[in-house]
Structures are given as structure tokens and as C-alpha cells.
């Protein structure tokens, strides 16, 4: 989706990072070359949307060929920028005072990165979507159980949480951003 404009939410991520550091400002992708728009934030609900989108951009900067709006010039700067975005997003989520949401997002980032590093079954799209839906509620043990099964090597429960028709578009968009082919 190269050339697609960005939302005001994604623009706020860009503006905050650019104000924070000239290095981050120099890592911005030209507006006409940006990919996609907000993805998992709106699914997580308005209270968490900015934080989730900021954390997600950090994840893309760390693990995708490039972020939607950032492309660091080298691996070291990509790690620093991704960490900045993770931390900024967690601060935004912390403002809601929801400890369980913070834990769910921290576990998401940790588990998704671990799965990518292991090189096994790639289900981080499903993990992002299931976590965003969990944050929006209603909350139950389904995500916890799915993550535990995933840690044991079984993605079945996780995939079942996001097997509906509404899941198709965000899952495909994430895979496209990550460069994953299915």
C-alpha cells in the first residue's frame, strides 16, 4: 500500500518522535512512500489505540523490512528507534492505569519477538490481533490460554481466536508489512 496517507493517530506518532530526536526525524519515510495506516490500535479500543499503534510501529521498525513511517539508516538506529517507540507506547497505555493491559502488551512484544527469532511458525499477526481484541474486551482467559499453548508450540488456540471474517484484513495487512508470504 505504498503511497497511502496516514491517519492523525499515525501522524501523532511521527510528530512526537520527530520532536523527541533529530535522529528519529531523519528516519521518517517520505509521505508518498509510507505504507499503511493504523492497524491494531482501533481494534484495541480508543483508550489504548495511540499506545498500541506506537508499540506496533516499534515492532515493525525492529522486525519488518521497515516501519510504516520510519526507516532507520542502520540496524543500531532501528533498535534504538524501535525501543523508543515501545517505551513511548507503554507510557501512553500506562496513562489508562490498566496494569493487565500493560502486561498483555509486554507479553505480546516479548512472545512475538521470540517467535520471530526462533524462526518457527509465524503467527505474530494472530498474536497482535488477538491481543488488540483482548484489550478491547470483554476480557477472559482465552488469550492467556492461547499464549501458553503457543509457548508449548501449539498455535491452534491462538488461530481460533482470530479465525472470523473480520480478522482477514488486519492479518493480511500485518503480513504484508512484515514481508511474510502466505
N, C-alpha and C. Protein backbone atom coordinates (compact mmCIF):
# COMPACT_ATOMS: atom_id res chain seq x y z
N UNK A 1 0.82 -1.19 0.00
CA UNK A 1 0.00 0.00 0.00
C UNK A 1 0.87 1.26 0.00
N UNK A 2 1.95 1.24 -0.71
CA UNK A 2 2.83 2.40 -0.75
C UNK A 2 2.06 3.62 -1.21
N UNK A 3 2.38 4.73 -0.61
CA UNK A 3 1.76 5.97 -1.00
C UNK A 3 0.45 6.27 -0.29
N UNK A 4 -0.01 5.39 0.53
CA UNK A 4 -1.25 5.62 1.26
C UNK A 4 -0.98 6.64 2.35
N UNK A 5 -1.89 7.58 2.51
CA UNK A 5 -1.74 8.57 3.57
C UNK A 5 -1.87 7.92 4.93
N UNK A 6 -1.56 8.69 5.93
CA UNK A 6 -1.64 8.17 7.28
C UNK A 6 -2.73 8.89 8.06
N UNK A 7 -3.16 8.28 9.11
CA UNK A 7 -4.20 8.86 9.96
C UNK A 7 -3.60 9.87 10.91
N UNK A 8 -4.48 10.60 11.56
CA UNK A 8 -3.99 11.56 12.56
C UNK A 8 -3.29 10.82 13.70
N UNK A 9 -3.72 9.60 14.01
CA UNK A 9 -3.05 8.82 15.06
C UNK A 9 -1.62 8.51 14.66
N UNK A 10 -1.41 8.03 13.46
CA UNK A 10 -0.06 7.74 12.99
C UNK A 10 0.73 9.04 12.85
N UNK A 11 0.08 10.10 12.42
CA UNK A 11 0.75 11.40 12.34
C UNK A 11 1.23 11.85 13.72
N UNK A 12 0.47 11.58 14.76
CA UNK A 12 0.89 11.94 16.13
C UNK A 12 2.13 11.16 16.54
N UNK A 13 2.22 9.90 16.14
CA UNK A 13 3.42 9.11 16.42
C UNK A 13 4.62 9.76 15.74
N UNK A 14 4.45 10.11 14.48
CA UNK A 14 5.52 10.75 13.71
C UNK A 14 5.94 12.05 14.36
N UNK A 15 4.97 12.89 14.68
CA UNK A 15 5.27 14.21 15.26
C UNK A 15 6.01 14.08 16.59
N UNK A 16 5.54 13.19 17.45
CA UNK A 16 6.17 13.03 18.77
C UNK A 16 7.61 12.54 18.63
N UNK A 17 7.83 11.57 17.75
CA UNK A 17 9.18 11.04 17.56
C UNK A 17 10.10 12.10 16.96
N UNK A 18 9.60 12.83 15.98
CA UNK A 18 10.42 13.86 15.33
C UNK A 18 10.78 14.98 16.30
N UNK A 19 9.84 15.34 17.18
CA UNK A 19 10.13 16.36 18.20
C UNK A 19 11.13 15.84 19.23
N UNK A 20 11.09 14.55 19.48
CA UNK A 20 11.94 13.95 20.50
C UNK A 20 13.41 13.87 20.08
N UNK A 21 13.64 13.66 18.77
CA UNK A 21 15.02 13.43 18.33
C UNK A 21 15.18 13.78 16.85
N UNK A 22 16.24 14.49 16.55
CA UNK A 22 16.57 14.75 15.15
C UNK A 22 16.90 13.45 14.42
N UNK A 23 17.45 12.50 15.14
CA UNK A 23 17.76 11.20 14.54
C UNK A 23 16.48 10.52 14.08
N UNK A 24 15.45 10.55 14.92
CA UNK A 24 14.17 9.93 14.54
C UNK A 24 13.56 10.71 13.38
N UNK A 25 13.67 12.03 13.41
CA UNK A 25 13.14 12.85 12.32
C UNK A 25 13.79 12.49 10.99
N UNK A 26 15.08 12.22 11.01
CA UNK A 26 15.78 11.84 9.78
C UNK A 26 15.43 10.43 9.32
N UNK A 27 14.82 9.65 10.19
CA UNK A 27 14.41 8.28 9.84
C UNK A 27 13.01 8.22 9.23
N UNK A 28 12.35 9.35 9.13
CA UNK A 28 11.00 9.37 8.57
C UNK A 28 11.01 9.03 7.09
N UNK A 29 10.04 8.25 6.69
CA UNK A 29 9.84 7.92 5.28
C UNK A 29 9.02 9.06 4.66
N UNK A 30 9.35 9.42 3.44
CA UNK A 30 8.58 10.45 2.74
C UNK A 30 7.09 10.06 2.74
N UNK A 31 6.24 11.05 2.88
CA UNK A 31 4.80 10.82 2.99
C UNK A 31 4.27 9.96 1.84
N UNK A 32 4.73 10.21 0.63
CA UNK A 32 4.24 9.47 -0.53
C UNK A 32 4.70 8.02 -0.55
N UNK A 33 5.69 7.68 0.28
CA UNK A 33 6.24 6.32 0.31
C UNK A 33 5.81 5.52 1.54
N UNK A 34 5.00 6.11 2.39
CA UNK A 34 4.59 5.42 3.62
C UNK A 34 3.62 4.29 3.31
N UNK A 35 3.67 3.25 4.13
CA UNK A 35 2.85 2.06 3.94
C UNK A 35 1.80 1.94 5.02
N UNK A 36 0.58 1.86 4.60
CA UNK A 36 -0.48 1.54 5.52
C UNK A 36 -0.86 2.66 6.46
N UNK A 37 -1.70 2.30 7.36
CA UNK A 37 -2.28 3.24 8.30
C UNK A 37 -2.43 2.52 9.62
N UNK A 38 -3.14 3.12 10.55
CA UNK A 38 -3.32 2.46 11.84
C UNK A 38 -3.95 1.10 11.61
N UNK A 39 -3.56 0.14 12.42
CA UNK A 39 -4.00 -1.23 12.19
C UNK A 39 -4.61 -1.84 13.44
N UNK A 40 -3.83 -2.04 14.47
CA UNK A 40 -4.34 -2.74 15.66
C UNK A 40 -4.85 -1.79 16.74
N UNK A 41 -4.45 -0.53 16.70
CA UNK A 41 -4.91 0.43 17.70
C UNK A 41 -6.42 0.57 17.77
N UNK A 42 -7.08 0.83 16.65
CA UNK A 42 -8.54 0.97 16.71
C UNK A 42 -9.24 -0.30 17.20
N UNK A 43 -8.67 -1.44 16.91
CA UNK A 43 -9.25 -2.70 17.37
C UNK A 43 -9.15 -2.81 18.89
N UNK A 44 -8.07 -2.28 19.46
CA UNK A 44 -7.85 -2.34 20.91
C UNK A 44 -8.77 -1.40 21.67
N UNK A 45 -9.38 -0.46 20.99
CA UNK A 45 -10.27 0.49 21.64
C UNK A 45 -9.60 1.84 21.82
N UNK A 46 -10.41 2.87 21.92
CA UNK A 46 -9.91 4.24 21.95
C UNK A 46 -8.94 4.49 23.10
N UNK A 47 -9.18 3.90 24.26
CA UNK A 47 -8.31 4.14 25.42
C UNK A 47 -6.88 3.71 25.14
N UNK A 48 -6.71 2.64 24.39
CA UNK A 48 -5.38 2.07 24.15
C UNK A 48 -4.85 2.32 22.74
N UNK A 49 -5.64 2.92 21.87
CA UNK A 49 -5.31 2.99 20.44
C UNK A 49 -3.96 3.66 20.17
N UNK A 50 -3.71 4.82 20.74
CA UNK A 50 -2.44 5.51 20.48
C UNK A 50 -1.25 4.68 20.95
N UNK A 51 -1.35 4.13 22.14
CA UNK A 51 -0.27 3.32 22.68
C UNK A 51 -0.01 2.07 21.87
N UNK A 52 -1.08 1.38 21.49
CA UNK A 52 -0.92 0.15 20.70
C UNK A 52 -0.29 0.47 19.35
N UNK A 53 -0.74 1.52 18.69
CA UNK A 53 -0.17 1.88 17.39
C UNK A 53 1.30 2.26 17.51
N UNK A 54 1.65 2.96 18.58
CA UNK A 54 3.05 3.35 18.77
C UNK A 54 3.92 2.12 19.02
N UNK A 55 3.44 1.22 19.86
CA UNK A 55 4.17 -0.03 20.12
C UNK A 55 4.28 -0.85 18.83
N UNK A 56 3.20 -0.90 18.06
CA UNK A 56 3.22 -1.65 16.81
C UNK A 56 4.25 -1.08 15.83
N UNK A 57 4.33 0.24 15.74
CA UNK A 57 5.34 0.83 14.85
C UNK A 57 6.74 0.44 15.32
N UNK A 58 6.95 0.40 16.65
CA UNK A 58 8.23 -0.05 17.18
C UNK A 58 8.53 -1.49 16.78
N UNK A 59 7.50 -2.33 16.83
CA UNK A 59 7.66 -3.73 16.43
C UNK A 59 8.06 -3.82 14.96
N UNK A 60 7.39 -3.03 14.12
CA UNK A 60 7.73 -3.04 12.70
C UNK A 60 9.15 -2.56 12.46
N UNK A 61 9.55 -1.51 13.14
CA UNK A 61 10.92 -0.99 12.98
C UNK A 61 11.94 -2.05 13.39
N UNK A 62 11.63 -2.81 14.43
CA UNK A 62 12.54 -3.88 14.88
C UNK A 62 12.55 -5.08 13.94
N UNK A 63 11.38 -5.51 13.45
CA UNK A 63 11.27 -6.84 12.84
C UNK A 63 10.88 -6.86 11.37
N UNK A 64 10.30 -5.80 10.85
CA UNK A 64 9.88 -5.77 9.45
C UNK A 64 11.01 -5.18 8.59
N UNK A 65 10.89 -5.30 7.28
CA UNK A 65 11.88 -4.65 6.43
C UNK A 65 12.01 -3.15 6.72
N UNK A 66 10.90 -2.54 7.12
CA UNK A 66 10.87 -1.14 7.57
C UNK A 66 9.53 -0.92 8.26
N UNK A 67 9.43 0.18 8.98
CA UNK A 67 8.17 0.55 9.59
C UNK A 67 7.22 1.13 8.56
N UNK A 68 6.03 1.50 9.01
CA UNK A 68 5.08 2.16 8.11
C UNK A 68 5.54 3.57 7.79
N UNK A 69 6.14 4.23 8.77
CA UNK A 69 6.51 5.64 8.62
C UNK A 69 7.98 5.91 8.93
N UNK A 70 8.70 4.91 9.42
CA UNK A 70 10.12 5.07 9.76
C UNK A 70 10.96 4.01 9.05
N UNK A 71 12.13 4.43 8.60
CA UNK A 71 13.14 3.52 8.06
C UNK A 71 14.49 4.00 8.58
N UNK A 72 14.95 3.38 9.63
CA UNK A 72 16.24 3.77 10.21
C UNK A 72 17.37 3.42 9.24
N UNK A 73 18.43 4.23 9.22
CA UNK A 73 19.51 4.01 8.25
C UNK A 73 20.36 2.77 8.53
N UNK A 74 20.35 2.27 9.76
CA UNK A 74 21.13 1.07 10.07
C UNK A 74 20.46 0.31 11.22
N UNK A 75 20.96 -0.88 11.46
CA UNK A 75 20.36 -1.78 12.45
C UNK A 75 20.40 -1.19 13.86
N UNK A 76 21.49 -0.55 14.21
CA UNK A 76 21.61 0.03 15.56
C UNK A 76 20.56 1.10 15.79
N UNK A 77 20.40 1.99 14.81
CA UNK A 77 19.38 3.03 14.96
C UNK A 77 17.97 2.46 14.92
N UNK A 78 17.78 1.39 14.15
CA UNK A 78 16.47 0.73 14.14
C UNK A 78 16.13 0.17 15.52
N UNK A 79 17.11 -0.42 16.18
CA UNK A 79 16.88 -0.94 17.53
C UNK A 79 16.56 0.19 18.51
N UNK A 80 17.31 1.27 18.43
CA UNK A 80 17.05 2.40 19.33
C UNK A 80 15.70 3.04 19.06
N UNK A 81 15.37 3.24 17.80
CA UNK A 81 14.08 3.84 17.44
C UNK A 81 12.94 2.92 17.85
N UNK A 82 13.07 1.64 17.58
CA UNK A 82 12.03 0.69 17.99
C UNK A 82 11.84 0.68 19.49
N UNK A 83 12.94 0.71 20.24
CA UNK A 83 12.84 0.76 21.70
C UNK A 83 12.17 2.05 22.17
N UNK A 84 12.52 3.17 21.54
CA UNK A 84 11.87 4.44 21.88
C UNK A 84 10.36 4.34 21.65
N UNK A 85 9.96 3.77 20.52
CA UNK A 85 8.53 3.64 20.22
C UNK A 85 7.84 2.69 21.19
N UNK A 86 8.49 1.57 21.53
CA UNK A 86 7.93 0.67 22.54
C UNK A 86 7.69 1.42 23.85
N UNK A 87 8.71 2.10 24.32
CA UNK A 87 8.61 2.80 25.61
C UNK A 87 7.55 3.89 25.57
N UNK A 88 7.51 4.64 24.49
CA UNK A 88 6.52 5.71 24.37
C UNK A 88 5.11 5.12 24.37
N UNK A 89 4.91 4.04 23.64
CA UNK A 89 3.60 3.39 23.61
C UNK A 89 3.19 2.85 24.96
N UNK A 90 4.12 2.26 25.68
CA UNK A 90 3.79 1.75 27.02
C UNK A 90 3.44 2.89 27.97
N UNK A 91 4.11 4.02 27.85
CA UNK A 91 3.75 5.18 28.68
C UNK A 91 2.32 5.62 28.36
N UNK A 92 1.97 5.62 27.09
CA UNK A 92 0.61 6.00 26.70
C UNK A 92 -0.42 5.03 27.29
N UNK A 93 -0.13 3.75 27.25
CA UNK A 93 -1.04 2.76 27.82
C UNK A 93 -1.09 2.89 29.34
N UNK A 94 0.04 3.16 29.95
CA UNK A 94 0.09 3.34 31.41
C UNK A 94 -0.85 4.45 31.88
N UNK A 95 -1.05 5.45 31.05
CA UNK A 95 -1.93 6.56 31.42
C UNK A 95 -3.35 6.09 31.72
N UNK A 96 -3.74 4.95 31.16
CA UNK A 96 -5.07 4.40 31.43
C UNK A 96 -5.13 3.71 32.79
N UNK A 97 -3.98 3.43 33.38
CA UNK A 97 -3.95 2.80 34.70
C UNK A 97 -4.37 1.35 34.70
N UNK A 98 -4.28 0.69 33.57
CA UNK A 98 -4.72 -0.70 33.43
C UNK A 98 -3.49 -1.61 33.41
N UNK A 99 -3.14 -2.15 34.56
CA UNK A 99 -1.94 -2.98 34.69
C UNK A 99 -2.03 -4.22 33.81
N UNK A 100 -3.21 -4.81 33.70
CA UNK A 100 -3.38 -6.02 32.89
C UNK A 100 -3.11 -5.71 31.42
N UNK A 101 -3.51 -4.54 30.96
CA UNK A 101 -3.25 -4.15 29.57
C UNK A 101 -1.75 -4.01 29.32
N UNK A 102 -1.07 -3.41 30.26
CA UNK A 102 0.39 -3.25 30.14
C UNK A 102 1.06 -4.62 30.09
N UNK A 103 0.63 -5.52 30.95
CA UNK A 103 1.19 -6.88 30.97
C UNK A 103 0.90 -7.60 29.66
N UNK A 104 -0.32 -7.46 29.14
CA UNK A 104 -0.69 -8.12 27.89
C UNK A 104 0.18 -7.62 26.73
N UNK A 105 0.43 -6.32 26.69
CA UNK A 105 1.25 -5.76 25.61
C UNK A 105 2.72 -6.14 25.76
N UNK A 106 3.22 -6.13 26.98
CA UNK A 106 4.61 -6.54 27.21
C UNK A 106 4.80 -8.01 26.80
N UNK A 107 3.83 -8.84 27.14
CA UNK A 107 3.90 -10.26 26.78
C UNK A 107 3.80 -10.42 25.26
N UNK A 108 2.94 -9.63 24.63
CA UNK A 108 2.81 -9.67 23.18
C UNK A 108 4.14 -9.39 22.50
N UNK A 109 4.77 -8.29 22.87
CA UNK A 109 6.03 -7.89 22.24
C UNK A 109 7.11 -8.95 22.48
N UNK A 110 7.19 -9.43 23.69
CA UNK A 110 8.20 -10.44 24.04
C UNK A 110 7.98 -11.75 23.29
N UNK A 111 6.74 -12.23 23.31
CA UNK A 111 6.45 -13.51 22.67
C UNK A 111 6.57 -13.41 21.15
N UNK A 112 6.07 -12.33 20.57
CA UNK A 112 6.16 -12.17 19.11
C UNK A 112 7.61 -12.10 18.66
N UNK A 113 8.43 -11.35 19.39
CA UNK A 113 9.85 -11.26 19.04
C UNK A 113 10.53 -12.62 19.19
N UNK A 114 10.20 -13.34 20.24
CA UNK A 114 10.78 -14.67 20.45
C UNK A 114 10.41 -15.61 19.30
N UNK A 115 9.15 -15.59 18.90
CA UNK A 115 8.71 -16.46 17.80
C UNK A 115 9.43 -16.11 16.50
N UNK A 116 9.60 -14.82 16.25
CA UNK A 116 10.33 -14.39 15.04
C UNK A 116 11.77 -14.87 15.10
N UNK A 117 12.40 -14.74 16.26
CA UNK A 117 13.80 -15.14 16.41
C UNK A 117 13.98 -16.64 16.27
N UNK A 118 13.01 -17.41 16.75
CA UNK A 118 13.08 -18.87 16.67
C UNK A 118 12.93 -19.35 15.23
N UNK A 119 12.24 -18.57 14.40
CA UNK A 119 12.08 -18.95 13.01
C UNK A 119 11.08 -20.07 12.77
N UNK A 120 10.24 -20.36 13.72
CA UNK A 120 9.24 -21.41 13.56
C UNK A 120 7.99 -20.89 12.87
N UNK A 121 6.85 -21.37 13.31
CA UNK A 121 5.57 -20.94 12.76
C UNK A 121 5.40 -19.45 13.04
N UNK A 122 5.14 -18.70 12.01
CA UNK A 122 4.99 -17.25 12.17
C UNK A 122 3.51 -16.94 12.36
N UNK A 123 3.16 -16.62 13.59
CA UNK A 123 1.77 -16.28 13.93
C UNK A 123 1.71 -14.96 14.70
N UNK A 124 2.68 -14.07 14.42
CA UNK A 124 2.64 -12.81 15.14
C UNK A 124 1.44 -11.95 14.72
N UNK A 125 0.97 -12.09 13.49
CA UNK A 125 -0.24 -11.36 13.08
C UNK A 125 -1.41 -11.76 13.97
N UNK A 126 -1.56 -13.06 14.16
CA UNK A 126 -2.64 -13.57 15.02
C UNK A 126 -2.46 -13.10 16.46
N UNK A 127 -1.23 -13.07 16.93
CA UNK A 127 -0.95 -12.64 18.30
C UNK A 127 -1.28 -11.16 18.48
N UNK A 128 -0.91 -10.33 17.53
CA UNK A 128 -1.25 -8.90 17.60
C UNK A 128 -2.76 -8.69 17.60
N UNK A 129 -3.45 -9.36 16.68
CA UNK A 129 -4.90 -9.17 16.58
C UNK A 129 -5.62 -9.69 17.82
N UNK A 130 -5.26 -10.86 18.29
CA UNK A 130 -5.90 -11.43 19.48
C UNK A 130 -5.67 -10.54 20.70
N UNK A 131 -4.48 -9.98 20.82
CA UNK A 131 -4.18 -9.10 21.95
C UNK A 131 -4.98 -7.81 21.85
N UNK A 132 -5.06 -7.22 20.67
CA UNK A 132 -5.85 -6.00 20.49
C UNK A 132 -7.31 -6.25 20.84
N UNK A 133 -7.84 -7.36 20.39
CA UNK A 133 -9.24 -7.69 20.72
C UNK A 133 -9.40 -7.91 22.23
N UNK A 134 -8.45 -8.55 22.84
CA UNK A 134 -8.49 -8.78 24.28
C UNK A 134 -8.53 -7.46 25.04
N UNK A 135 -7.71 -6.50 24.62
CA UNK A 135 -7.69 -5.20 25.29
C UNK A 135 -9.04 -4.50 25.17
N UNK A 136 -9.69 -4.65 24.03
CA UNK A 136 -10.99 -4.01 23.82
C UNK A 136 -12.07 -4.65 24.68
N UNK A 137 -11.88 -5.92 25.02
CA UNK A 137 -12.82 -6.64 25.87
C UNK A 137 -13.91 -7.30 25.05
N UNK A 138 -14.70 -8.12 25.68
CA UNK A 138 -14.57 -8.48 27.09
C UNK A 138 -13.34 -9.37 27.29
N UNK A 139 -12.74 -9.23 28.44
CA UNK A 139 -11.53 -9.99 28.74
C UNK A 139 -11.88 -11.29 29.46
N UNK A 140 -11.21 -12.34 29.02
CA UNK A 140 -11.36 -13.64 29.67
C UNK A 140 -10.01 -14.34 29.60
N UNK A 141 -9.98 -15.63 29.84
CA UNK A 141 -8.72 -16.37 29.85
C UNK A 141 -8.30 -16.89 28.48
N UNK A 142 -9.07 -16.61 27.45
CA UNK A 142 -8.79 -17.18 26.13
C UNK A 142 -7.41 -16.77 25.61
N UNK A 143 -7.06 -15.51 25.72
CA UNK A 143 -5.75 -15.08 25.23
C UNK A 143 -4.63 -15.70 26.05
N UNK A 144 -4.77 -15.70 27.36
CA UNK A 144 -3.76 -16.32 28.23
C UNK A 144 -3.56 -17.78 27.84
N UNK A 145 -4.65 -18.52 27.69
CA UNK A 145 -4.55 -19.94 27.32
C UNK A 145 -3.91 -20.13 25.95
N UNK A 146 -4.26 -19.25 25.01
CA UNK A 146 -3.69 -19.33 23.67
C UNK A 146 -2.18 -19.05 23.69
N UNK A 147 -1.77 -18.08 24.48
CA UNK A 147 -0.33 -17.77 24.58
C UNK A 147 0.43 -18.92 25.23
N UNK A 148 -0.14 -19.51 26.26
CA UNK A 148 0.53 -20.65 26.91
C UNK A 148 0.66 -21.82 25.95
N UNK A 149 -0.39 -22.11 25.18
CA UNK A 149 -0.31 -23.18 24.19
C UNK A 149 0.74 -22.84 23.12
N UNK A 150 0.78 -21.58 22.72
CA UNK A 150 1.76 -21.15 21.73
C UNK A 150 3.19 -21.33 22.24
N UNK A 151 3.41 -21.02 23.50
CA UNK A 151 4.73 -21.23 24.09
C UNK A 151 5.13 -22.70 24.07
N UNK A 152 4.14 -23.57 24.09
CA UNK A 152 4.39 -25.02 24.02
C UNK A 152 4.45 -25.51 22.58
N UNK A 153 4.33 -24.59 21.63
CA UNK A 153 4.45 -24.96 20.23
C UNK A 153 3.14 -25.18 19.49
N UNK A 154 2.01 -24.91 20.14
CA UNK A 154 0.71 -25.16 19.52
C UNK A 154 -0.02 -23.84 19.26
N UNK A 155 -0.12 -23.42 17.99
CA UNK A 155 -0.80 -22.16 17.67
C UNK A 155 -2.31 -22.30 17.48
N UNK A 156 -2.87 -23.49 17.67
CA UNK A 156 -4.27 -23.75 17.36
C UNK A 156 -5.23 -22.82 18.11
N UNK A 157 -5.07 -22.69 19.42
CA UNK A 157 -5.98 -21.84 20.20
C UNK A 157 -5.88 -20.38 19.76
N UNK A 158 -4.67 -19.92 19.51
CA UNK A 158 -4.49 -18.54 19.06
C UNK A 158 -5.18 -18.32 17.72
N UNK A 159 -4.95 -19.21 16.79
CA UNK A 159 -5.55 -19.06 15.46
C UNK A 159 -7.07 -19.11 15.53
N UNK A 160 -7.61 -19.89 16.45
CA UNK A 160 -9.07 -19.96 16.61
C UNK A 160 -9.65 -18.63 17.09
N UNK A 161 -8.88 -17.87 17.85
CA UNK A 161 -9.36 -16.58 18.35
C UNK A 161 -9.53 -15.55 17.23
N UNK A 162 -8.86 -15.76 16.12
CA UNK A 162 -8.88 -14.78 15.04
C UNK A 162 -9.22 -15.44 13.70
N UNK A 163 -10.14 -16.39 13.73
CA UNK A 163 -10.47 -17.13 12.52
C UNK A 163 -11.73 -16.61 11.83
N UNK A 164 -12.28 -15.50 12.29
CA UNK A 164 -13.51 -14.95 11.72
C UNK A 164 -13.21 -14.07 10.51
N UNK A 165 -14.26 -13.70 9.79
CA UNK A 165 -14.11 -12.90 8.58
C UNK A 165 -13.51 -11.52 8.86
N UNK A 166 -13.82 -10.93 10.01
CA UNK A 166 -13.29 -9.61 10.35
C UNK A 166 -11.77 -9.63 10.56
N UNK A 167 -11.21 -10.79 10.75
CA UNK A 167 -9.77 -10.91 11.01
C UNK A 167 -8.95 -10.90 9.73
N UNK A 168 -9.56 -11.22 8.62
CA UNK A 168 -8.81 -11.42 7.38
C UNK A 168 -8.00 -10.17 6.99
N UNK A 169 -8.62 -9.02 6.97
CA UNK A 169 -7.94 -7.81 6.52
C UNK A 169 -6.76 -7.42 7.42
N UNK A 170 -6.94 -7.31 8.75
CA UNK A 170 -5.78 -6.94 9.57
C UNK A 170 -4.66 -7.98 9.54
N UNK A 171 -5.01 -9.26 9.45
CA UNK A 171 -3.97 -10.29 9.37
C UNK A 171 -3.17 -10.14 8.07
N UNK A 172 -3.88 -9.92 6.97
CA UNK A 172 -3.19 -9.75 5.69
C UNK A 172 -2.34 -8.49 5.67
N UNK A 173 -2.85 -7.41 6.24
CA UNK A 173 -2.09 -6.16 6.26
C UNK A 173 -0.80 -6.33 7.06
N UNK A 174 -0.90 -6.99 8.23
CA UNK A 174 0.31 -7.21 9.03
C UNK A 174 1.32 -8.05 8.25
N UNK A 175 0.86 -9.12 7.64
CA UNK A 175 1.77 -9.99 6.88
C UNK A 175 2.43 -9.23 5.74
N UNK A 176 1.68 -8.37 5.10
CA UNK A 176 2.24 -7.56 4.03
C UNK A 176 3.34 -6.63 4.56
N UNK A 177 3.07 -5.96 5.68
CA UNK A 177 4.06 -5.07 6.27
C UNK A 177 5.31 -5.82 6.71
N UNK A 178 5.14 -7.04 7.19
CA UNK A 178 6.26 -7.84 7.66
C UNK A 178 7.03 -8.52 6.53
N UNK A 179 6.44 -8.55 5.33
CA UNK A 179 7.07 -9.23 4.22
C UNK A 179 6.84 -10.73 4.25
N UNK A 180 5.83 -11.16 5.01
CA UNK A 180 5.50 -12.58 5.11
C UNK A 180 4.60 -12.98 3.95
N UNK A 181 4.83 -14.16 3.42
CA UNK A 181 4.02 -14.66 2.32
C UNK A 181 3.22 -15.84 2.82
N UNK A 182 1.93 -15.83 2.52
CA UNK A 182 1.07 -16.97 2.86
C UNK A 182 0.19 -17.30 1.71
